[in-house]
Amino acid sequence: MKLRAIGLGLCLLVFSLGAAPGPAQASPLQNALETQLRAGVGAAATDDEIETLTVLERFYQARSLEPLWVQESGAGPKARQLSALLAAADLDALDPADYGTEAIAALLDSTTVTALAELEVRLTQGLIRFAADLGQGRTTPHVADPELFVFREEVLREDVLAAAAGAQDLEAFLQRYRPNTPRYDRQKAALAEYRALATQGGWQPIPEGPTLKPEMTDPRVGLLRARLRLWGDLKPENDLAEAGGDPDFYDEPMVEAVKWMQYRHGLTQDGAVGKKSLAALNVPIETRIEQMVLNLERRRWMPDDLGRRHIFVNLADQLLKLVEGEKTLLDMPVVVGKPYHSTPVFSHSMTYLVMNPYWNVPPSIARKELLPKIKQDVSYLASNNFTLFSDWSSGASVVDPVTVNWATVNRNSFPYKLRQGSGDGNALGRLKFMFPNRFNIYLHDTPAKALFGKDERTFSHGCIRVSDPPGLAEAVLAKTGDWPLQRINQTIASGERRIVTLNEPLPVHISYLTSWVNKDGSVHFRKDVYGRDAKLAEALLGARAGGWR
């Protein structure tokens, strides 16, 4: 469990130790530490530095200026352990330079009290920042991207210091701040592997050309074979070229390896290498490393516990999973918002679902998309099962569309409410899954089934369309009364509008991950369909002076 708490939003005043007396018999090291703290606050350049150093002042004052890491004779074992841990921050996709590791290394063998006092302060500053970055991430989600409504649990500097003072093993201590999930650990391990691969030269692009298909012989097949071997998609024992086969021949084991590579990249698994597959193969290793770094940051924003039973939607993957414990009960493709109607990232709890729902058309859709159709042919409303209401009030009356002078109605003068009745043509389909939220986002059925067969499924106005609504309803209602699939389908077929309340709220997490590692060790990448990787990369580059890749 990470040591997290809410409350960094303090407005702190800069103050020095002033006339507050130190210990009656203060040692030279304690005096040097007092001087270092006073000078540090005075020289702080940012609000963050001022707050950190002010917390340090209070902390050391409370312990009569007794150091944590150094003695009069030099740096202690904990100082060297902490220095090594900060220097290894890149294993967590964090930048050691952010924690002052260069200056710390230069001071580790110092013997003067002035240098030791500086080392003490630098180590403590580095520890606070590293623990906070592990526990909450380097960036504030909503500041990095206004469409991220992720409210991370912030780490209090005071809590870090109080806990660190009694920690016997600093590595175990810092582990309590790191995300305590196998998902994070798997991504960390994959990042290390890709970085090692990068030091060996990574990979070179496969030249463009005709689509590579099974039973073709082409020099590019040999390059593809080498790439699949490098990535682990083609196992050595399955490589027929190892047994003397033609490396440039597109054999059956190569087909299966290509399908696995396509699966890992969210592509149609047809075993042929066309433009999309070639584009995925030719993404530089530096870009893949960058994706891993960005998604480790996203993992640090998330709570460790998503709920024993929960729904997880990855917008970049356009896939929904219903998870219980460590087991995925079902998954299905979904359609999400268009890039200019992008679905936000947030979490909420599903509380009920609606069978045979009607659709209250959002005003923006009514004005921009339906009004032109109505003005062209007023019978469009009746043909598509729409009812026109005078306004959005609870007492609104039904209006006969024929009585409206549509020539005078425009986007800025459209007071009406449109409601589409339930049925096969309803935009929400036959099922709607509700987790009431301020974005008016929900999961729902759709009559446009063909869209689920596409690799990239960004076609909605923001809500999430699911490919198997009855199957999802059965799984969601498994703990709510007697709702087998047969009864669900019978209720849908009846046309009756029915609201079913869940016995227990079901957490729903709408996320955005462009890289992750599955339990089987397969490393997955997805296209940045909303440009959110670019925004996060910019925020990370601007967050500190150090690098981040």
Protein backbone atom coordinates (compact mmCIF):
# COMPACT_ATOMS: atom_id res chain seq x y z
CA MET A 1 0.00 0.00 0.00
CA LYS A 2 1.51 3.31 -0.98
CA LEU A 3 1.93 5.93 1.72
CA ARG A 4 -0.28 8.60 0.20
CA ALA A 5 -2.23 11.50 1.65
CA ILE A 6 -4.11 14.47 0.31
CA GLY A 7 -2.98 17.98 0.98
CA LEU A 8 -0.10 19.63 -0.83
CA GLY A 9 -2.15 22.75 -1.50
CA LEU A 10 -0.67 24.77 1.34
CA CYS A 11 0.35 28.37 1.01
CA LEU A 12 3.58 28.45 3.04
CA LEU A 13 5.54 31.47 4.10
CA VAL A 14 9.29 31.56 3.89
CA PHE A 15 10.84 31.71 7.32
CA SER A 16 14.25 31.01 8.79
CA LEU A 17 15.32 29.47 12.05
CA GLY A 18 16.13 33.00 13.22
CA ALA A 19 16.64 33.29 16.92
CA ALA A 20 15.22 29.86 17.75
CA PRO A 21 18.00 28.30 19.82
CA GLY A 22 19.58 25.02 18.75
CA PRO A 23 20.84 22.38 21.17
CA ALA A 24 22.74 23.73 24.15
CA GLN A 25 25.85 21.83 23.03
CA ALA A 26 25.34 21.91 19.26
CA SER A 27 28.00 20.06 17.31
CA PRO A 28 29.80 21.64 14.36
CA LEU A 29 27.77 19.40 12.04
CA GLN A 30 24.48 20.54 13.60
CA ASN A 31 25.53 24.16 13.28
CA ALA A 32 26.49 23.58 9.64
CA LEU A 33 23.13 21.91 8.99
CA GLU A 34 21.30 24.88 10.51
CA THR A 35 23.25 27.25 8.27
CA GLN A 36 22.61 25.08 5.21
CA LEU A 37 18.85 24.99 5.82
CA ARG A 38 18.64 28.74 6.33
CA ALA A 39 20.66 29.43 3.20
CA GLY A 40 18.63 26.92 1.19
CA VAL A 41 15.28 28.55 1.92
CA GLY A 42 16.65 31.95 1.09
CA ALA A 43 17.95 30.70 -2.27
CA ALA A 44 14.89 28.64 -3.26
CA ALA A 45 13.78 29.48 -6.79
CA THR A 46 10.29 27.93 -6.97
CA ASP A 47 7.27 27.52 -4.72
CA ASP A 48 7.91 23.76 -4.68
CA GLU A 49 11.48 24.26 -3.47
CA ILE A 50 10.35 26.76 -0.83
CA GLU A 51 7.72 24.35 0.48
CA THR A 52 10.13 21.42 0.56
CA LEU A 53 12.86 23.34 2.37
CA THR A 54 10.36 24.80 4.83
CA VAL A 55 9.18 21.28 5.66
CA LEU A 56 12.83 20.28 6.08
CA GLU A 57 13.41 23.13 8.49
CA ARG A 58 10.52 22.07 10.68
CA PHE A 59 11.56 18.42 10.53
CA TYR A 60 15.19 19.00 11.53
CA GLN A 61 14.25 21.59 14.15
CA ALA A 62 11.95 19.01 15.78
CA ARG A 63 14.82 16.51 16.00
CA SER A 64 17.30 19.08 17.34
CA LEU A 65 19.17 19.17 14.01
CA GLU A 66 20.24 15.53 14.26
CA PRO A 67 21.14 14.32 10.74
CA LEU A 68 19.57 11.24 9.17
CA TRP A 69 22.29 10.26 6.73
CA VAL A 70 25.66 11.61 7.82
CA GLN A 71 27.90 11.75 10.88
CA GLU A 72 30.82 13.97 11.82
CA SER A 73 33.14 11.38 10.26
CA GLY A 74 31.36 11.23 6.90
CA ALA A 75 28.42 9.73 5.01
CA GLY A 76 26.80 6.73 6.71
CA PRO A 77 25.59 3.47 5.10
CA LYS A 78 22.08 4.87 4.62
CA ALA A 79 23.47 7.86 2.74
CA ARG A 80 25.17 5.54 0.27
CA GLN A 81 22.10 3.33 -0.04
CA LEU A 82 19.84 6.31 -0.69
CA SER A 83 22.30 7.73 -3.20
CA ALA A 84 22.25 4.44 -5.10
CA LEU A 85 18.44 4.28 -5.04
CA LEU A 86 18.12 7.81 -6.40
CA ALA A 87 20.67 7.06 -9.11
CA ALA A 88 18.55 4.07 -10.18
CA ALA A 89 15.37 6.15 -10.58
CA ASP A 90 15.52 5.60 -14.34
CA LEU A 91 14.36 2.01 -13.72
CA ASP A 92 10.98 3.58 -12.86
CA ALA A 93 11.14 5.83 -15.94
CA LEU A 94 12.08 8.77 -13.71
CA ASP A 95 15.09 11.03 -14.18
CA PRO A 96 17.86 10.71 -11.56
CA ALA A 97 18.86 14.32 -12.30
CA ASP A 98 15.58 15.43 -10.74
CA TYR A 99 16.86 14.17 -7.39
CA GLY A 100 20.25 15.88 -7.43
CA THR A 101 22.20 12.67 -7.95
CA GLU A 102 25.22 14.33 -9.58
CA ALA A 103 25.76 16.72 -6.68
CA ILE A 104 25.09 13.93 -4.16
CA ALA A 105 27.71 11.67 -5.79
CA ALA A 106 30.25 14.49 -5.66
CA LEU A 107 29.64 14.96 -1.92
CA LEU A 108 29.53 11.32 -0.80
CA ASP A 109 33.19 11.10 0.17
CA SER A 110 33.35 14.54 1.81
CA THR A 111 34.71 14.97 5.33
CA THR A 112 34.14 18.67 6.05
CA VAL A 113 31.06 19.54 8.08
CA THR A 114 29.95 22.11 5.51
CA ALA A 115 29.95 19.54 2.70
CA LEU A 116 28.35 16.89 4.91
CA ALA A 117 25.55 19.29 5.88
CA GLU A 118 24.92 20.00 2.20
CA LEU A 119 24.90 16.26 1.49
CA GLU A 120 22.37 15.72 4.27
CA VAL A 121 19.98 18.30 2.85
CA ARG A 122 20.38 17.13 -0.74
CA LEU A 123 19.69 13.52 0.21
CA THR A 124 16.57 14.47 2.13
CA GLN A 125 15.32 16.68 -0.71
CA GLY A 126 15.97 13.88 -3.19
CA LEU A 127 14.13 11.36 -1.03
CA ILE A 128 11.06 13.57 -0.69
CA ARG A 129 10.84 14.26 -4.41
CA PHE A 130 11.51 10.65 -5.41
CA ALA A 131 8.87 9.27 -3.03
CA ALA A 132 6.34 11.82 -4.29
CA ASP A 133 7.08 11.05 -7.93
CA LEU A 134 6.76 7.31 -7.32
CA GLY A 135 3.54 7.71 -5.38
CA GLN A 136 1.70 10.29 -7.46
CA GLY A 137 3.63 10.82 -10.68
CA ARG A 138 5.64 13.77 -11.88
CA THR A 139 2.73 15.60 -13.45
CA THR A 140 -0.75 16.67 -12.39
CA PRO A 141 -3.10 14.88 -14.85
CA HIS A 142 -5.61 17.68 -15.41
CA VAL A 143 -2.82 20.23 -15.87
CA ALA A 144 -1.03 17.97 -18.38
CA ASP A 145 -4.28 17.45 -20.31
CA PRO A 146 -7.66 19.08 -19.51
CA GLU A 147 -9.45 15.90 -20.65
CA LEU A 148 -7.89 13.83 -17.86
CA PHE A 149 -10.12 13.74 -14.79
CA VAL A 150 -7.83 11.56 -12.69
CA PHE A 151 -7.52 12.67 -9.10
CA ARG A 152 -4.32 11.18 -7.79
CA GLU A 153 -3.65 10.71 -4.09
CA GLU A 154 -0.89 13.16 -3.25
CA VAL A 155 2.10 12.37 -1.08
CA LEU A 156 2.74 14.64 1.91
CA ARG A 157 6.35 15.65 2.42
CA GLU A 158 5.88 15.59 6.20
CA ASP A 159 4.69 11.99 6.06
CA VAL A 160 7.67 10.93 3.96
CA LEU A 161 10.13 12.41 6.44
CA ALA A 162 8.38 11.03 9.49
CA ALA A 163 8.34 7.52 8.03
CA ALA A 164 11.88 7.71 6.61
CA ALA A 165 13.35 8.63 10.00
CA GLY A 166 12.39 5.21 11.36
CA ALA A 167 13.01 3.16 8.21
CA GLN A 168 15.63 0.46 8.54
CA ASP A 169 15.69 -0.51 4.86
CA LEU A 170 15.29 2.41 2.46
CA GLU A 171 14.63 0.18 -0.55
CA ALA A 172 11.68 -1.44 1.22
CA PHE A 173 10.58 1.99 2.43
CA LEU A 174 10.46 3.43 -1.10
CA GLN A 175 8.69 0.34 -2.38
CA ARG A 176 5.67 1.39 -0.32
CA TYR A 177 5.27 4.47 -2.55
CA ARG A 178 5.76 2.66 -5.85
CA PRO A 179 2.53 1.35 -7.48
CA ASN A 180 1.99 -2.06 -5.90
CA THR A 181 0.56 -3.80 -8.95
CA PRO A 182 1.91 -6.44 -11.33
CA ARG A 183 0.78 -4.22 -14.22
CA TYR A 184 3.34 -1.59 -13.22
CA ASP A 185 6.07 -4.16 -12.57
CA ARG A 186 5.57 -5.83 -15.95
CA GLN A 187 5.85 -2.51 -17.77
CA LYS A 188 9.02 -1.64 -15.82
CA ALA A 189 10.61 -4.94 -16.81
CA ALA A 190 9.67 -4.45 -20.48
CA LEU A 191 11.11 -0.93 -20.42
CA ALA A 192 14.44 -2.28 -19.18
CA GLU A 193 14.45 -4.86 -21.97
CA TYR A 194 13.72 -2.28 -24.67
CA ARG A 195 16.38 0.07 -23.33
CA ALA A 196 18.90 -2.77 -23.41
CA LEU A 197 17.83 -3.50 -26.98
CA ALA A 198 18.27 0.17 -27.87
CA THR A 199 21.88 0.12 -26.65
CA GLN A 200 22.46 -2.73 -29.11
CA GLY A 201 21.15 -0.63 -32.00
CA GLY A 202 17.43 -1.38 -31.85
CA TRP A 203 16.09 -2.19 -35.31
CA GLN A 204 16.10 -0.71 -38.81
CA PRO A 205 13.00 -0.06 -40.95
CA ILE A 206 11.73 -2.74 -43.30
CA PRO A 207 11.53 -1.18 -46.80
CA GLU A 208 8.13 -0.40 -48.28
CA GLY A 209 6.77 -2.54 -51.07
CA PRO A 210 3.88 -4.83 -52.00
CA THR A 211 1.93 -6.53 -49.20
CA LEU A 212 3.86 -9.53 -47.88
CA LYS A 213 1.64 -12.61 -47.94
CA PRO A 214 2.02 -16.29 -47.09
CA GLU A 215 4.05 -18.41 -49.55
CA MET A 216 5.77 -15.38 -51.06
CA THR A 217 9.53 -15.34 -51.53
CA ASP A 218 11.02 -11.87 -51.05
CA PRO A 219 14.17 -10.45 -49.42
CA ARG A 220 11.85 -8.34 -47.23
CA VAL A 221 10.49 -11.59 -45.76
CA GLY A 222 13.98 -12.29 -44.43
CA LEU A 223 14.03 -8.85 -42.77
CA LEU A 224 10.56 -9.50 -41.35
CA ARG A 225 11.73 -12.87 -40.03
CA ALA A 226 14.65 -11.24 -38.22
CA ARG A 227 12.35 -8.63 -36.71
CA LEU A 228 9.88 -11.22 -35.47
CA ARG A 229 12.74 -13.19 -33.93
CA LEU A 230 14.09 -10.04 -32.26
CA TRP A 231 10.69 -9.21 -30.75
CA GLY A 232 10.00 -12.78 -29.65
CA ASP A 233 6.96 -13.18 -31.91
CA LEU A 234 8.73 -15.98 -33.78
CA LYS A 235 10.28 -18.49 -31.40
CA PRO A 236 13.60 -20.09 -32.46
CA GLU A 237 12.08 -23.57 -32.28
CA ASN A 238 9.36 -22.49 -34.76
CA ASP A 239 11.71 -20.80 -37.22
CA LEU A 240 12.05 -23.10 -40.24
CA ALA A 241 15.07 -21.11 -41.42
CA GLU A 242 16.91 -22.52 -38.39
CA ALA A 243 16.48 -26.00 -39.90
CA GLY A 244 17.83 -24.95 -43.29
CA GLY A 245 14.68 -23.44 -44.80
CA ASP A 246 14.73 -20.43 -47.09
CA PRO A 247 14.77 -17.34 -44.81
CA ASP A 248 13.09 -15.29 -47.55
CA PHE A 249 10.11 -17.68 -47.88
CA TYR A 250 6.89 -16.68 -46.06
CA ASP A 251 6.17 -20.02 -44.38
CA GLU A 252 3.31 -21.05 -42.05
CA PRO A 253 5.14 -20.42 -38.74
CA MET A 254 5.85 -16.90 -40.01
CA VAL A 255 2.12 -16.41 -40.61
CA GLU A 256 1.33 -17.28 -36.99
CA ALA A 257 4.13 -15.02 -35.76
CA VAL A 258 2.81 -12.11 -37.83
CA LYS A 259 -0.69 -12.66 -36.43
CA TRP A 260 0.71 -12.49 -32.91
CA MET A 261 2.58 -9.29 -33.76
CA GLN A 262 -0.65 -7.84 -35.17
CA TYR A 263 -2.52 -8.83 -32.01
CA ARG A 264 0.06 -6.99 -29.89
CA HIS A 265 -0.43 -3.85 -31.98
CA GLY A 266 -4.23 -3.90 -32.15
CA LEU A 267 -4.35 -4.76 -35.87
CA THR A 268 -6.47 -7.17 -37.86
CA GLN A 269 -4.86 -10.58 -37.46
CA ASP A 270 -4.80 -11.64 -41.11
CA GLY A 271 -1.16 -12.76 -41.31
CA ALA A 272 -0.41 -10.36 -44.18
CA VAL A 273 1.97 -7.41 -43.82
CA GLY A 274 0.31 -4.45 -45.51
CA LYS A 275 0.62 -0.73 -44.84
CA LYS A 276 -0.70 -0.78 -41.25
CA SER A 277 1.39 -3.74 -40.14
CA LEU A 278 4.49 -2.34 -41.84
CA ALA A 279 3.92 1.01 -40.12
CA ALA A 280 3.77 -0.76 -36.73
CA LEU A 281 6.93 -2.73 -37.53
CA ASN A 282 8.78 0.44 -38.48
CA VAL A 283 8.04 2.54 -35.39
CA PRO A 284 11.52 3.38 -33.99
CA ILE A 285 12.56 1.79 -30.71
CA GLU A 286 13.01 5.28 -29.21
CA THR A 287 9.29 5.94 -29.77
CA ARG A 288 8.34 2.64 -28.14
CA ILE A 289 10.52 3.45 -25.13
CA GLU A 290 8.84 6.85 -24.93
CA GLN A 291 5.40 5.20 -24.92
CA MET A 292 6.43 2.94 -22.04
CA VAL A 293 7.72 5.89 -20.05
CA LEU A 294 4.48 7.83 -20.57
CA ASN A 295 2.31 4.90 -19.58
CA LEU A 296 4.31 4.21 -16.42
CA GLU A 297 3.48 7.81 -15.48
CA ARG A 298 -0.20 7.08 -16.11
CA ARG A 299 0.04 3.98 -13.91
CA ARG A 300 1.38 6.13 -11.07
CA TRP A 301 -1.77 8.26 -11.25
CA MET A 302 -4.03 5.23 -10.79
CA PRO A 303 -5.04 3.72 -7.46
CA ASP A 304 -3.57 0.30 -6.78
CA ASP A 305 -7.05 -1.06 -6.04
CA LEU A 306 -9.43 -0.63 -8.99
CA GLY A 307 -12.07 -2.68 -7.18
CA ARG A 308 -12.19 -6.45 -6.89
CA ARG A 309 -14.88 -6.47 -9.59
CA HIS A 310 -14.69 -3.63 -12.10
CA ILE A 311 -15.01 -2.54 -15.71
CA PHE A 312 -11.88 -1.21 -17.41
CA VAL A 313 -12.14 0.58 -20.76
CA ASN A 314 -8.94 1.50 -22.59
CA LEU A 315 -9.82 4.28 -25.03
CA ALA A 316 -6.57 3.90 -26.98
CA ASP A 317 -7.26 0.17 -27.42
CA GLN A 318 -11.04 0.62 -27.82
CA LEU A 319 -11.56 -2.45 -25.65
CA LEU A 320 -13.71 -3.11 -22.57
CA LYS A 321 -12.85 -5.68 -19.90
CA LEU A 322 -14.91 -6.89 -16.97
CA VAL A 323 -12.42 -8.00 -14.32
CA GLU A 324 -12.85 -9.89 -11.06
CA GLY A 325 -9.73 -10.28 -8.96
CA GLU A 326 -6.93 -11.08 -11.41
CA LYS A 327 -9.28 -12.77 -13.88
CA THR A 328 -10.82 -11.13 -16.94
CA LEU A 329 -14.40 -12.42 -17.10
CA LEU A 330 -15.08 -11.03 -20.56
CA ASP A 331 -13.73 -8.48 -23.02
CA MET A 332 -15.18 -6.89 -26.11
CA PRO A 333 -14.41 -4.20 -28.69
CA VAL A 334 -16.01 -0.82 -28.15
CA VAL A 335 -16.52 2.33 -30.19
CA VAL A 336 -15.32 5.53 -28.50
CA GLY A 337 -15.42 9.25 -29.22
CA LYS A 338 -14.11 10.78 -32.41
CA PRO A 339 -10.84 12.73 -32.00
CA TYR A 340 -12.86 15.98 -31.96
CA HIS A 341 -15.42 14.40 -29.58
CA SER A 342 -12.83 12.55 -27.51
CA THR A 343 -14.03 10.54 -24.53
CA PRO A 344 -12.58 11.87 -21.25
CA VAL A 345 -10.56 9.81 -18.79
CA PHE A 346 -12.33 9.35 -15.44
CA SER A 347 -13.70 6.77 -13.00
CA HIS A 348 -17.21 6.31 -11.63
CA SER A 349 -19.56 3.54 -10.50
CA MET A 350 -22.27 1.86 -12.53
CA THR A 351 -25.52 1.76 -10.58
CA TYR A 352 -28.21 0.67 -13.06
CA LEU A 353 -28.93 -0.28 -16.64
CA VAL A 354 -31.87 0.40 -18.94
CA MET A 355 -33.39 -2.10 -21.34
CA ASN A 356 -35.13 -0.64 -24.39
CA PRO A 357 -34.06 2.93 -23.55
CA TYR A 358 -35.21 6.03 -25.31
CA TRP A 359 -32.68 8.65 -26.31
CA ASN A 360 -32.84 12.27 -25.22
CA VAL A 361 -30.81 13.87 -28.00
CA PRO A 362 -28.12 16.19 -26.60
CA PRO A 363 -28.80 19.80 -27.69
CA SER A 364 -25.50 20.05 -29.54
CA ILE A 365 -26.32 17.01 -31.70
CA ALA A 366 -29.90 18.19 -32.25
CA ARG A 367 -28.76 21.63 -33.42
CA LYS A 368 -25.71 20.69 -35.48
CA GLU A 369 -26.67 17.33 -36.99
CA LEU A 370 -30.43 16.78 -36.86
CA LEU A 371 -31.74 20.30 -37.50
CA PRO A 372 -30.47 20.41 -41.11
CA LYS A 373 -32.19 17.08 -41.80
CA ILE A 374 -35.45 18.30 -40.23
CA LYS A 375 -35.40 21.53 -42.25
CA GLN A 376 -34.86 19.54 -45.41
CA ASP A 377 -37.71 17.11 -44.65
CA VAL A 378 -39.87 17.44 -41.54
CA SER A 379 -41.00 13.82 -41.91
CA TYR A 380 -37.47 12.82 -40.87
CA LEU A 381 -38.62 13.01 -37.23
CA ALA A 382 -41.54 10.59 -37.60
CA SER A 383 -39.54 8.27 -39.86
CA ASN A 384 -36.86 7.92 -37.21
CA ASN A 385 -39.17 7.63 -34.19
CA PHE A 386 -38.45 11.09 -32.74
CA THR A 387 -40.87 13.00 -30.52
CA LEU A 388 -40.58 16.81 -30.42
CA PHE A 389 -41.08 18.57 -27.06
CA SER A 390 -41.55 22.28 -26.52
CA ASP A 391 -38.50 22.56 -24.22
CA TRP A 392 -36.37 20.63 -21.71
CA SER A 393 -38.57 21.30 -18.67
CA SER A 394 -40.40 18.50 -16.85
CA GLY A 395 -43.73 19.99 -17.94
CA ALA A 396 -42.81 20.31 -21.61
CA SER A 397 -45.60 19.57 -24.08
CA VAL A 398 -45.43 17.47 -27.24
CA VAL A 399 -45.22 19.59 -30.37
CA ASP A 400 -46.43 18.56 -33.82
CA PRO A 401 -43.36 19.27 -36.01
CA VAL A 402 -45.60 20.20 -38.92
CA THR A 403 -46.82 23.25 -36.96
CA VAL A 404 -43.29 24.65 -36.58
CA ASN A 405 -42.00 27.21 -39.06
CA TRP A 406 -38.62 25.49 -39.48
CA ALA A 407 -37.38 28.19 -41.85
CA THR A 408 -37.05 30.53 -38.86
CA VAL A 409 -35.29 27.99 -36.63
CA ASN A 410 -31.50 27.93 -36.51
CA ARG A 411 -28.76 26.62 -34.19
CA ASN A 412 -29.08 29.64 -31.92
CA SER A 413 -32.86 29.48 -31.69
CA PHE A 414 -33.66 25.82 -31.08
CA PRO A 415 -35.59 25.54 -27.79
CA TYR A 416 -36.91 22.06 -28.47
CA LYS A 417 -36.08 18.71 -26.95
CA LEU A 418 -35.90 15.65 -29.18
CA ARG A 419 -36.48 12.16 -27.83
CA GLN A 420 -36.06 9.02 -29.88
CA GLY A 421 -38.29 6.14 -28.84
CA SER A 422 -36.92 2.67 -28.12
CA GLY A 423 -36.51 0.19 -30.92
CA ASP A 424 -33.99 -1.25 -33.33
CA GLY A 425 -33.28 2.13 -34.90
CA ASN A 426 -32.62 3.87 -31.59
CA ALA A 427 -29.13 5.38 -31.46
CA LEU A 428 -28.58 3.75 -28.05
CA GLY A 429 -29.73 0.35 -29.27
CA ARG A 430 -31.52 -1.88 -26.78
CA LEU A 431 -29.35 -1.49 -23.67
CA LYS A 432 -27.83 1.41 -21.79
CA PHE A 433 -25.41 0.99 -18.85
CA MET A 434 -25.44 3.96 -16.49
CA PHE A 435 -22.74 5.30 -14.19
CA PRO A 436 -24.10 8.87 -13.76
CA ASN A 437 -21.34 11.45 -14.24
CA ARG A 438 -20.92 15.09 -15.13
CA PHE A 439 -19.76 14.24 -18.67
CA ASN A 440 -23.00 12.40 -19.52
CA ILE A 441 -20.89 9.46 -20.72
CA TYR A 442 -22.29 5.94 -20.56
CA LEU A 443 -22.00 2.52 -22.20
CA HIS A 444 -24.67 1.54 -24.69
CA ASP A 445 -25.76 -0.67 -27.54
CA THR A 446 -25.82 0.60 -31.14
CA PRO A 447 -27.50 -0.37 -34.40
CA ALA A 448 -24.21 0.34 -36.24
CA LYS A 449 -22.65 -3.10 -35.65
CA ALA A 450 -20.25 -3.00 -38.62
CA LEU A 451 -17.99 -0.45 -36.89
CA PHE A 452 -16.79 -3.07 -34.38
CA GLY A 453 -14.90 -4.86 -37.14
CA LYS A 454 -12.55 -1.94 -37.75
CA ASP A 455 -9.06 -1.69 -36.24
CA GLU A 456 -9.61 1.89 -35.11
CA ARG A 457 -13.04 2.56 -33.62
CA THR A 458 -13.32 6.27 -32.91
CA PHE A 459 -16.76 7.14 -34.26
CA SER A 460 -19.03 8.27 -31.39
CA HIS A 461 -19.82 11.66 -29.87
CA GLY A 462 -18.08 10.60 -26.65
CA CYS A 463 -20.21 7.80 -25.26
CA ILE A 464 -18.93 4.22 -25.47
CA ARG A 465 -20.73 1.71 -27.69
CA VAL A 466 -20.30 -1.96 -26.73
CA SER A 467 -20.28 -4.84 -29.19
CA ASP A 468 -22.13 -7.43 -27.05
CA PRO A 469 -24.63 -5.58 -24.86
CA PRO A 470 -26.64 -8.66 -23.75
CA GLY A 471 -23.44 -10.48 -22.80
CA LEU A 472 -22.24 -7.48 -20.82
CA ALA A 473 -25.65 -7.12 -19.16
CA GLU A 474 -25.61 -10.77 -18.09
CA ALA A 475 -22.12 -10.35 -16.55
CA VAL A 476 -22.98 -7.03 -14.89
CA LEU A 477 -26.22 -8.44 -13.43
CA ALA A 478 -24.64 -11.70 -12.26
CA LYS A 479 -24.87 -10.52 -8.66
CA THR A 480 -28.25 -8.80 -9.07
CA GLY A 481 -31.18 -11.20 -8.87
CA ASP A 482 -32.12 -13.74 -11.51
CA TRP A 483 -31.03 -12.23 -14.81
CA PRO A 484 -29.75 -14.99 -17.13
CA LEU A 485 -29.14 -14.16 -20.77
CA GLN A 486 -32.44 -15.69 -21.82
CA ARG A 487 -34.45 -13.36 -19.56
CA ILE A 488 -32.44 -10.35 -20.74
CA ASN A 489 -33.15 -11.18 -24.39
CA GLN A 490 -36.84 -11.81 -23.65
CA THR A 491 -37.16 -8.41 -21.95
CA ILE A 492 -35.43 -6.73 -24.88
CA ALA A 493 -37.71 -8.51 -27.34
CA SER A 494 -40.80 -7.34 -25.43
CA GLY A 495 -39.98 -3.73 -26.20
CA GLU A 496 -40.77 -2.82 -22.59
CA ARG A 497 -38.58 -0.10 -21.11
CA ARG A 498 -37.10 -1.62 -17.95
CA ILE A 499 -34.66 -0.16 -15.42
CA VAL A 500 -32.62 -2.67 -13.39
CA THR A 501 -30.69 -1.39 -10.37
CA LEU A 502 -27.51 -3.20 -9.43
CA ASN A 503 -27.29 -4.64 -5.93
CA GLU A 504 -23.78 -3.22 -5.59
CA PRO A 505 -22.21 -0.31 -7.49
CA LEU A 506 -19.70 -1.53 -10.08
CA PRO A 507 -16.55 0.62 -10.53
CA VAL A 508 -15.99 1.76 -14.11
CA HIS A 509 -12.56 3.08 -15.12
CA ILE A 510 -12.26 4.92 -18.43
CA SER A 511 -8.52 4.99 -19.11
CA TYR A 512 -6.04 5.81 -21.86
CA LEU A 513 -3.05 3.50 -22.23
CA THR A 514 -0.97 3.28 -25.40
CA SER A 515 1.37 0.63 -23.99
CA TRP A 516 1.05 -2.17 -21.46
CA VAL A 517 2.25 -5.72 -20.78
CA ASN A 518 -0.18 -8.61 -20.40
CA LYS A 519 0.17 -11.42 -17.87
CA ASP A 520 1.58 -13.65 -20.62
CA GLY A 521 4.46 -11.19 -21.04
CA SER A 522 3.30 -9.85 -24.40
CA VAL A 523 4.17 -6.16 -24.87
CA HIS A 524 1.34 -4.14 -26.45
CA PHE A 525 1.34 -0.81 -28.23
CA ARG A 526 -1.54 1.25 -29.60
CA LYS A 527 -1.86 4.35 -31.75
CA ASP A 528 -2.18 7.65 -29.90
CA VAL A 529 -5.65 8.30 -31.35
CA TYR A 530 -6.34 11.39 -29.23
CA GLY A 531 -2.84 12.90 -29.21
CA ARG A 532 -2.65 12.45 -25.44
CA ASP A 533 0.85 10.97 -25.53
CA ALA A 534 2.09 14.15 -27.14
CA LYS A 535 0.46 16.33 -24.47
CA LEU A 536 1.85 14.23 -21.63
CA ALA A 537 5.32 14.20 -23.19
CA GLU A 538 5.24 17.98 -23.40
CA ALA A 539 4.12 18.24 -19.77
CA LEU A 540 6.90 15.92 -18.61
CA LEU A 541 9.54 17.79 -20.57
CA GLY A 542 8.37 21.05 -19.06
CA ALA A 543 8.01 19.72 -15.52
CA ARG A 544 11.70 19.70 -14.64
CA ALA A 545 15.02 20.60 -16.16
CA GLY A 546 16.08 16.95 -16.49
CA GLY A 547 15.25 14.52 -19.26
CA TRP A 548 12.64 11.83 -18.95
CA ARG A 549 13.00 9.18 -21.67
